[in-house]
Amino acid sequence: MNPLFADLVDDAGLFPPTSLPMADALARHEADRVAGSRVLTHRFLCLASRLHEITAPRPERIGVIVDDPQVDPGDVDLIEVRLGKPVPLSDARLFVEVTADELDGIDAVAHPHPENGRAGFKIRCGGLTREAFPSPEEVARFITFCTRNGIPFKATAGLHHAVRHYDATLGVWRHGFLNLLLATHAALHEGDPLPILATSDADRLVRLAVAVTEEEAVSTRATMISYGSCSTGQPIADLRELGLIGEDA
């Protein structure tokens, strides 16, 4: 299994546009756990205000998106919160959601690796409206900031497919998770992430991915930790179609 794609996709089935009911989301998560794809983190993402709805079998790994800071997240894998919002007390790994524009007001020295007791970052790459999608330039600024300052990050929203593509319904280009991975690799190795984020050339991205060494893949994933997808099947299908993982991955 290429470490570039291992433990990559968080289960965001509760969130739009899929918006599964809790029972269905948990059932799908359990089925994914049994199937055992190594592309999935098998981490179940849930709003803090909905944690009480989780029933058995309880996911082994839970990521909490803080919408109510008064809720005790309990024993969870990680916590995600918007910049400037209260953070519940927890030993879980913390990721703070920021936009590219907000980076100018952030002291990078105050945000080293979570192992040192500080937060990683999180970027939102899409949503339900055209305005929710950051430009390639904005995503490139975010990735460059993180790589230059040693800040790990997560991504979320809009990353259903591996390769950047046009959504005619919203009239917007959707970012690809493979683009993000390879842009992170480029930024870590003195390359320019922007052309990689802006391309929709699947063959070019595959060639770049194949050229990534195992050591480089590990360092890339130490920066881009994972991303949330409301579909857990589509990312796997895309990587298989591109020939980047096998049928058993």
C-alpha atoms as a PDB file:
ATOM      1  CA  MET A   1       0.000   0.000   0.000  1.00  0.00           C
ATOM      2  CA  ASN A   2       1.456   3.341  -1.060  1.00  0.00           C
ATOM      3  CA  PRO A   3       1.815   5.397   2.159  1.00  0.00           C
ATOM      4  CA  LEU A   4       0.659   8.444   0.191  1.00  0.00           C
ATOM      5  CA  PHE A   5      -2.882   7.039   0.257  1.00  0.00           C
ATOM      6  CA  ALA A   6      -2.966   5.053   3.497  1.00  0.00           C
ATOM      7  CA  ASP A   7      -5.213   6.218   6.334  1.00  0.00           C
ATOM      8  CA  LEU A   8      -6.359   9.192   4.231  1.00  0.00           C
ATOM      9  CA  VAL A   9     -10.168   9.523   4.200  1.00  0.00           C
ATOM     10  CA  ASP A  10     -12.251  10.411   7.247  1.00  0.00           C
ATOM     11  CA  ASP A  11     -15.905   9.333   7.233  1.00  0.00           C
ATOM     12  CA  ALA A  12     -18.063  12.482   6.942  1.00  0.00           C
ATOM     13  CA  GLY A  13     -21.255  10.669   5.982  1.00  0.00           C
ATOM     14  CA  LEU A  14     -23.351  12.766   8.373  1.00  0.00           C
ATOM     15  CA  PHE A  15     -22.478  15.939   6.481  1.00  0.00           C
ATOM     16  CA  PRO A  16     -23.785  17.481   3.231  1.00  0.00           C
ATOM     17  CA  PRO A  17     -24.349  16.688   0.505  1.00  0.00           C
ATOM     18  CA  THR A  18     -24.809  13.043   1.583  1.00  0.00           C
ATOM     19  CA  SER A  19     -26.263  13.917   5.017  1.00  0.00           C
ATOM     20  CA  LEU A  20     -26.991  10.337   6.042  1.00  0.00           C
ATOM     21  CA  PRO A  21     -29.276   9.742   9.036  1.00  0.00           C
ATOM     22  CA  MET A  22     -27.222   8.711  12.063  1.00  0.00           C
ATOM     23  CA  ALA A  23     -28.305   5.054  11.923  1.00  0.00           C
ATOM     24  CA  ASP A  24     -27.418   4.787   8.231  1.00  0.00           C
ATOM     25  CA  ALA A  25     -24.091   6.589   8.722  1.00  0.00           C
ATOM     26  CA  LEU A  26     -23.121   4.237  11.538  1.00  0.00           C
ATOM     27  CA  ALA A  27     -24.169   1.187   9.511  1.00  0.00           C
ATOM     28  CA  ARG A  28     -22.072   2.295   6.551  1.00  0.00           C
ATOM     29  CA  HIS A  29     -19.131   3.033   8.839  1.00  0.00           C
ATOM     30  CA  GLU A  30     -19.323  -0.439  10.353  1.00  0.00           C
ATOM     31  CA  ALA A  31     -19.520  -2.023   6.898  1.00  0.00           C
ATOM     32  CA  ASP A  32     -16.418  -0.055   5.873  1.00  0.00           C
ATOM     33  CA  ARG A  33     -14.625  -1.225   9.012  1.00  0.00           C
ATOM     34  CA  VAL A  34     -15.387  -4.841   8.197  1.00  0.00           C
ATOM     35  CA  ALA A  35     -14.282  -4.359   4.575  1.00  0.00           C
ATOM     36  CA  GLY A  36     -11.048  -2.896   5.933  1.00  0.00           C
ATOM     37  CA  SER A  37      -9.864  -0.563   3.157  1.00  0.00           C
ATOM     38  CA  ARG A  38      -6.525   0.934   4.105  1.00  0.00           C
ATOM     39  CA  VAL A  39      -7.387   4.169   2.285  1.00  0.00           C
ATOM     40  CA  LEU A  40      -9.939   4.964   5.009  1.00  0.00           C
ATOM     41  CA  THR A  41      -8.948   6.225   8.451  1.00  0.00           C
ATOM     42  CA  HIS A  42     -12.042   4.522   9.886  1.00  0.00           C
ATOM     43  CA  ARG A  43     -12.552   7.754  11.830  1.00  0.00           C
ATOM     44  CA  PHE A  44     -16.197   8.825  12.155  1.00  0.00           C
ATOM     45  CA  LEU A  45     -16.741  12.595  12.041  1.00  0.00           C
ATOM     46  CA  CYS A  46     -19.599  13.972  14.122  1.00  0.00           C
ATOM     47  CA  LEU A  47     -20.839  17.330  15.384  1.00  0.00           C
ATOM     48  CA  ALA A  48     -20.404  17.726  19.140  1.00  0.00           C
ATOM     49  CA  SER A  49     -24.142  18.367  19.461  1.00  0.00           C
ATOM     50  CA  ARG A  50     -24.902  14.966  17.888  1.00  0.00           C
ATOM     51  CA  LEU A  51     -22.510  12.770  19.868  1.00  0.00           C
ATOM     52  CA  HIS A  52     -25.384  11.643  22.087  1.00  0.00           C
ATOM     53  CA  GLU A  53     -27.043  10.057  19.029  1.00  0.00           C
ATOM     54  CA  ILE A  54     -24.206   7.578  18.489  1.00  0.00           C
ATOM     55  CA  THR A  55     -25.267   4.054  19.384  1.00  0.00           C
ATOM     56  CA  ALA A  56     -23.575   0.667  19.292  1.00  0.00           C
ATOM     57  CA  PRO A  57     -21.496  -0.398  17.575  1.00  0.00           C
ATOM     58  CA  ARG A  58     -19.640   2.781  18.549  1.00  0.00           C
ATOM     59  CA  PRO A  59     -16.881   3.699  16.087  1.00  0.00           C
ATOM     60  CA  GLU A  60     -13.414   3.061  17.481  1.00  0.00           C
ATOM     61  CA  ARG A  61     -12.172   6.430  16.197  1.00  0.00           C
ATOM     62  CA  ILE A  62     -14.298   9.581  16.407  1.00  0.00           C
ATOM     63  CA  GLY A  63     -13.480  13.095  15.231  1.00  0.00           C
ATOM     64  CA  VAL A  64     -15.582  15.846  16.774  1.00  0.00           C
ATOM     65  CA  ILE A  65     -16.472  19.074  14.946  1.00  0.00           C
ATOM     66  CA  VAL A  66     -17.209  21.588  17.676  1.00  0.00           C
ATOM     67  CA  ASP A  67     -20.538  23.331  17.194  1.00  0.00           C
ATOM     68  CA  ASP A  68     -21.291  23.443  20.932  1.00  0.00           C
ATOM     69  CA  PRO A  69     -18.262  24.030  23.187  1.00  0.00           C
ATOM     70  CA  GLN A  70     -20.310  23.044  26.244  1.00  0.00           C
ATOM     71  CA  VAL A  71     -20.479  19.417  25.114  1.00  0.00           C
ATOM     72  CA  ASP A  72     -17.867  17.145  26.669  1.00  0.00           C
ATOM     73  CA  PRO A  73     -16.401  15.248  23.698  1.00  0.00           C
ATOM     74  CA  GLY A  74     -15.204  12.403  25.906  1.00  0.00           C
ATOM     75  CA  ASP A  75     -12.682   9.905  24.560  1.00  0.00           C
ATOM     76  CA  VAL A  76     -12.258  10.903  20.911  1.00  0.00           C
ATOM     77  CA  ASP A  77      -9.495  10.792  18.321  1.00  0.00           C
ATOM     78  CA  LEU A  78      -9.405  14.453  17.351  1.00  0.00           C
ATOM     79  CA  ILE A  79     -11.271  17.756  17.633  1.00  0.00           C
ATOM     80  CA  GLU A  80     -11.907  20.317  14.896  1.00  0.00           C
ATOM     81  CA  VAL A  81     -12.931  23.900  15.667  1.00  0.00           C
ATOM     82  CA  ARG A  82     -13.194  27.207  13.821  1.00  0.00           C
ATOM     83  CA  LEU A  83     -10.552  29.839  14.515  1.00  0.00           C
ATOM     84  CA  GLY A  84     -11.580  32.036  17.430  1.00  0.00           C
ATOM     85  CA  LYS A  85     -14.191  29.634  18.818  1.00  0.00           C
ATOM     86  CA  PRO A  86     -13.941  28.094  22.305  1.00  0.00           C
ATOM     87  CA  VAL A  87     -12.204  24.741  22.495  1.00  0.00           C
ATOM     88  CA  PRO A  88     -13.482  22.075  24.910  1.00  0.00           C
ATOM     89  CA  LEU A  89     -10.988  20.581  27.333  1.00  0.00           C
ATOM     90  CA  SER A  90      -9.643  17.372  25.842  1.00  0.00           C
ATOM     91  CA  ASP A  91      -6.431  15.448  25.273  1.00  0.00           C
ATOM     92  CA  ALA A  92      -7.501  14.784  21.669  1.00  0.00           C
ATOM     93  CA  ARG A  93      -5.472  16.131  18.778  1.00  0.00           C
ATOM     94  CA  LEU A  94      -6.736  19.594  17.796  1.00  0.00           C
ATOM     95  CA  PHE A  95      -7.176  21.120  14.337  1.00  0.00           C
ATOM     96  CA  VAL A  96      -8.232  24.747  13.912  1.00  0.00           C
ATOM     97  CA  GLU A  97     -10.145  25.663  10.761  1.00  0.00           C
ATOM     98  CA  VAL A  98      -8.768  28.775   9.064  1.00  0.00           C
ATOM     99  CA  THR A  99      -9.070  30.468   5.693  1.00  0.00           C
ATOM    100  CA  ALA A 100      -6.150  31.630   3.581  1.00  0.00           C
ATOM    101  CA  ASP A 101      -7.014  35.247   4.390  1.00  0.00           C
ATOM    102  CA  GLU A 102      -6.822  34.536   8.112  1.00  0.00           C
ATOM    103  CA  LEU A 103      -3.246  33.283   7.871  1.00  0.00           C
ATOM    104  CA  ASP A 104      -1.902  36.843   7.742  1.00  0.00           C
ATOM    105  CA  GLY A 105      -3.032  37.413  11.324  1.00  0.00           C
ATOM    106  CA  ILE A 106      -1.731  34.126  12.720  1.00  0.00           C
ATOM    107  CA  ASP A 107       1.556  33.740  14.554  1.00  0.00           C
ATOM    108  CA  ALA A 108       2.968  30.520  13.131  1.00  0.00           C
ATOM    109  CA  VAL A 109       5.296  30.148  16.113  1.00  0.00           C
ATOM    110  CA  ALA A 110       2.206  29.669  18.297  1.00  0.00           C
ATOM    111  CA  HIS A 111       1.104  26.688  16.231  1.00  0.00           C
ATOM    112  CA  PRO A 112       3.808  24.017  16.191  1.00  0.00           C
ATOM    113  CA  HIS A 113       3.021  20.342  15.982  1.00  0.00           C
ATOM    114  CA  PRO A 114       0.178  19.037  18.171  1.00  0.00           C
ATOM    115  CA  GLU A 115       2.704  16.784  19.899  1.00  0.00           C
ATOM    116  CA  ASN A 116       4.049  20.009  21.418  1.00  0.00           C
ATOM    117  CA  GLY A 117       0.626  20.900  22.736  1.00  0.00           C
ATOM    118  CA  ARG A 118      -0.568  23.166  19.937  1.00  0.00           C
ATOM    119  CA  ALA A 119      -3.008  22.895  17.058  1.00  0.00           C
ATOM    120  CA  GLY A 120      -2.778  21.782  13.482  1.00  0.00           C
ATOM    121  CA  PHE A 121      -4.847  23.583  10.852  1.00  0.00           C
ATOM    122  CA  LYS A 122      -7.870  22.660   8.776  1.00  0.00           C
ATOM    123  CA  ILE A 123      -8.909  24.037   5.387  1.00  0.00           C
ATOM    124  CA  ARG A 124     -12.399  23.971   3.883  1.00  0.00           C
ATOM    125  CA  CYS A 125     -12.191  23.236   0.163  1.00  0.00           C
ATOM    126  CA  GLY A 126     -15.850  23.559  -0.817  1.00  0.00           C
ATOM    127  CA  GLY A 127     -19.446  23.489   0.275  1.00  0.00           C
ATOM    128  CA  LEU A 128     -22.985  23.826  -1.010  1.00  0.00           C
ATOM    129  CA  THR A 129     -22.488  27.158  -2.791  1.00  0.00           C
ATOM    130  CA  ARG A 130     -20.050  28.458  -5.374  1.00  0.00           C
ATOM    131  CA  GLU A 131     -18.684  30.964  -2.877  1.00  0.00           C
ATOM    132  CA  ALA A 132     -17.669  28.175  -0.506  1.00  0.00           C
ATOM    133  CA  PHE A 133     -14.863  27.031  -2.828  1.00  0.00           C
ATOM    134  CA  PRO A 134     -11.476  28.679  -2.303  1.00  0.00           C
ATOM    135  CA  SER A 135      -9.406  29.386  -5.390  1.00  0.00           C
ATOM    136  CA  PRO A 136      -6.294  27.358  -6.222  1.00  0.00           C
ATOM    137  CA  GLU A 137      -4.283  30.438  -5.239  1.00  0.00           C
ATOM    138  CA  GLU A 138      -5.884  30.490  -1.786  1.00  0.00           C
ATOM    139  CA  VAL A 139      -5.296  26.772  -1.230  1.00  0.00           C
ATOM    140  CA  ALA A 140      -1.704  27.177  -2.405  1.00  0.00           C
ATOM    141  CA  ARG A 141      -1.178  29.966   0.143  1.00  0.00           C
ATOM    142  CA  PHE A 142      -2.559  27.751   2.875  1.00  0.00           C
ATOM    143  CA  ILE A 143      -0.392  24.758   1.950  1.00  0.00           C
ATOM    144  CA  THR A 144       2.709  26.907   1.601  1.00  0.00           C
ATOM    145  CA  PHE A 145       2.120  28.487   5.015  1.00  0.00           C
ATOM    146  CA  CYS A 146       1.709  25.081   6.648  1.00  0.00           C
ATOM    147  CA  THR A 147       4.740  23.499   5.015  1.00  0.00           C
ATOM    148  CA  ARG A 148       7.008  26.468   5.730  1.00  0.00           C
ATOM    149  CA  ASN A 149       6.003  26.551   9.379  1.00  0.00           C
ATOM    150  CA  GLY A 150       5.835  22.814  10.070  1.00  0.00           C
ATOM    151  CA  ILE A 151       2.078  22.814  10.679  1.00  0.00           C
ATOM    152  CA  PRO A 152       0.131  19.621   9.909  1.00  0.00           C
ATOM    153  CA  PHE A 153      -3.306  20.109   8.400  1.00  0.00           C
ATOM    154  CA  LYS A 154      -6.578  18.427   7.550  1.00  0.00           C
ATOM    155  CA  ALA A 155      -8.942  19.252   4.704  1.00  0.00           C
ATOM    156  CA  THR A 156     -12.679  18.980   4.332  1.00  0.00           C
ATOM    157  CA  ALA A 157     -15.663  19.651   2.046  1.00  0.00           C
ATOM    158  CA  GLY A 158     -15.888  19.253  -1.696  1.00  0.00           C
ATOM    159  CA  LEU A 159     -13.112  16.675  -2.056  1.00  0.00           C
ATOM    160  CA  HIS A 160     -15.198  13.782  -3.341  1.00  0.00           C
ATOM    161  CA  HIS A 161     -12.958  12.977  -6.298  1.00  0.00           C
ATOM    162  CA  ALA A 162      -9.233  12.533  -6.760  1.00  0.00           C
ATOM    163  CA  VAL A 163      -8.792  14.995  -9.635  1.00  0.00           C
ATOM    164  CA  ARG A 164      -9.889  18.619  -9.994  1.00  0.00           C
ATOM    165  CA  HIS A 165     -13.031  18.816 -12.138  1.00  0.00           C
ATOM    166  CA  TYR A 166     -15.774  21.206 -13.189  1.00  0.00           C
ATOM    167  CA  ASP A 167     -19.165  21.110 -11.471  1.00  0.00           C
ATOM    168  CA  ALA A 168     -21.681  22.451 -13.986  1.00  0.00           C
ATOM    169  CA  THR A 169     -24.464  22.550 -11.394  1.00  0.00           C
ATOM    170  CA  LEU A 170     -22.654  25.026  -9.154  1.00  0.00           C
ATOM    171  CA  GLY A 171     -20.575  26.554 -11.932  1.00  0.00           C
ATOM    172  CA  VAL A 172     -17.322  25.984 -10.072  1.00  0.00           C
ATOM    173  CA  TRP A 173     -14.147  23.915 -10.294  1.00  0.00           C
ATOM    174  CA  ARG A 174     -13.975  21.357  -7.497  1.00  0.00           C
ATOM    175  CA  HIS A 175     -10.614  20.597  -5.925  1.00  0.00           C
ATOM    176  CA  GLY A 176      -9.245  17.067  -6.115  1.00  0.00           C
ATOM    177  CA  PHE A 177      -7.756  15.312  -3.105  1.00  0.00           C
ATOM    178  CA  LEU A 178      -4.917  13.958  -5.277  1.00  0.00           C
ATOM    179  CA  ASN A 179      -4.163  17.541  -6.303  1.00  0.00           C
ATOM    180  CA  LEU A 180      -3.930  18.516  -2.618  1.00  0.00           C
ATOM    181  CA  LEU A 181      -1.646  15.614  -1.768  1.00  0.00           C
ATOM    182  CA  LEU A 182       0.736  16.314  -4.632  1.00  0.00           C
ATOM    183  CA  ALA A 183       0.652  20.076  -4.036  1.00  0.00           C
ATOM    184  CA  THR A 184       1.689  19.393  -0.440  1.00  0.00           C
ATOM    185  CA  HIS A 185       4.498  17.168  -1.693  1.00  0.00           C
ATOM    186  CA  ALA A 186       5.647  19.921  -4.058  1.00  0.00           C
ATOM    187  CA  ALA A 187       5.609  22.580  -1.339  1.00  0.00           C
ATOM    188  CA  LEU A 188       7.680  20.339   0.934  1.00  0.00           C
ATOM    189  CA  HIS A 189      10.261  19.790  -1.796  1.00  0.00           C
ATOM    190  CA  GLU A 190      10.781  23.376  -2.955  1.00  0.00           C
ATOM    191  CA  GLY A 191       8.210  23.155  -5.742  1.00  0.00           C
ATOM    192  CA  ASP A 192       5.242  25.372  -6.583  1.00  0.00           C
ATOM    193  CA  PRO A 193       1.933  23.906  -5.373  1.00  0.00           C
ATOM    194  CA  LEU A 194      -0.240  26.200  -7.512  1.00  0.00           C
ATOM    195  CA  PRO A 195       0.131  24.525 -10.944  1.00  0.00           C
ATOM    196  CA  ILE A 196      -0.657  21.167  -9.359  1.00  0.00           C
ATOM    197  CA  LEU A 197      -3.751  22.501  -7.614  1.00  0.00           C
ATOM    198  CA  ALA A 198      -4.943  24.134 -10.846  1.00  0.00           C
ATOM    199  CA  THR A 199      -4.540  21.147 -13.175  1.00  0.00           C
ATOM    200  CA  SER A 200      -7.302  18.749 -14.189  1.00  0.00           C
ATOM    201  CA  ASP A 201      -4.890  16.530 -16.131  1.00  0.00           C
ATOM    202  CA  ALA A 202      -5.352  13.127 -14.499  1.00  0.00           C
ATOM    203  CA  ASP A 203      -2.493  11.514 -16.422  1.00  0.00           C
ATOM    204  CA  ARG A 204      -0.079  14.207 -15.234  1.00  0.00           C
ATOM    205  CA  LEU A 205      -1.176  13.740 -11.625  1.00  0.00           C
ATOM    206  CA  VAL A 206      -0.755   9.973 -11.871  1.00  0.00           C
ATOM    207  CA  ARG A 207       2.788  10.392 -13.205  1.00  0.00           C
ATOM    208  CA  LEU A 208       3.619  12.751 -10.352  1.00  0.00           C
ATOM    209  CA  ALA A 209       2.115  10.375  -7.780  1.00  0.00           C
ATOM    210  CA  VAL A 210       4.054   7.388  -9.114  1.00  0.00           C
ATOM    211  CA  ALA A 211       7.285   9.400  -8.895  1.00  0.00           C
ATOM    212  CA  VAL A 212       6.842  10.130  -5.176  1.00  0.00           C
ATOM    213  CA  THR A 213       9.270   8.017  -3.156  1.00  0.00           C
ATOM    214  CA  GLU A 214       8.144   6.153  -0.048  1.00  0.00           C
ATOM    215  CA  GLU A 215      10.130   8.523   2.164  1.00  0.00           C
ATOM    216  CA  GLU A 216       8.584  11.554   0.467  1.00  0.00           C
ATOM    217  CA  ALA A 217       5.116  10.028   0.779  1.00  0.00           C
ATOM    218  CA  VAL A 218       5.565   9.598   4.528  1.00  0.00           C
ATOM    219  CA  SER A 219       6.711  13.210   4.964  1.00  0.00           C
ATOM    220  CA  THR A 220       3.842  14.456   2.796  1.00  0.00           C
ATOM    221  CA  ARG A 221       1.309  12.635   4.930  1.00  0.00           C
ATOM    222  CA  ALA A 222       2.914  13.931   8.126  1.00  0.00           C
ATOM    223  CA  THR A 223       1.780  17.337   6.839  1.00  0.00           C
ATOM    224  CA  MET A 224      -1.541  16.510   5.133  1.00  0.00           C
ATOM    225  CA  ILE A 225      -3.013  14.242   7.793  1.00  0.00           C
ATOM    226  CA  SER A 226      -6.371  13.337   6.253  1.00  0.00           C
ATOM    227  CA  TYR A 227      -9.492  14.806   4.728  1.00  0.00           C
ATOM    228  CA  GLY A 228     -13.200  14.385   5.371  1.00  0.00           C
ATOM    229  CA  SER A 229     -15.431  12.949   2.651  1.00  0.00           C
ATOM    230  CA  CYS A 230     -19.158  12.281   2.853  1.00  0.00           C
ATOM    231  CA  SER A 231     -18.524   9.399   0.434  1.00  0.00           C
ATOM    232  CA  THR A 232     -16.185   6.675   1.600  1.00  0.00           C
ATOM    233  CA  GLY A 233     -16.500   4.646  -1.592  1.00  0.00           C
ATOM    234  CA  GLN A 234     -15.787   7.260  -4.271  1.00  0.00           C
ATOM    235  CA  PRO A 235     -12.203   8.098  -3.219  1.00  0.00           C
ATOM    236  CA  ILE A 236     -11.282   4.418  -3.282  1.00  0.00           C
ATOM    237  CA  ALA A 237     -12.963   3.951  -6.656  1.00  0.00           C
ATOM    238  CA  ASP A 238     -11.120   6.952  -8.107  1.00  0.00           C
ATOM    239  CA  LEU A 239      -7.713   5.738  -6.937  1.00  0.00           C
ATOM    240  CA  ARG A 240      -8.400   2.288  -8.375  1.00  0.00           C
ATOM    241  CA  GLU A 241      -9.542   3.746 -11.697  1.00  0.00           C
ATOM    242  CA  LEU A 242      -6.345   5.806 -11.871  1.00  0.00           C
ATOM    243  CA  GLY A 243      -4.289   2.683 -11.174  1.00  0.00           C
ATOM    244  CA  LEU A 244      -2.801   4.098  -7.971  1.00  0.00           C
ATOM    245  CA  ILE A 245      -4.096   1.370  -5.652  1.00  0.00           C
ATOM    246  CA  GLY A 246      -5.024  -2.265  -6.175  1.00  0.00           C
ATOM    247  CA  GLU A 247      -8.377  -3.943  -5.740  1.00  0.00           C
ATOM    248  CA  ASP A 248      -7.319  -5.146  -2.283  1.00  0.00           C
ATOM    249  CA  ALA A 249      -6.450  -1.681  -0.926  1.00  0.00           C
END
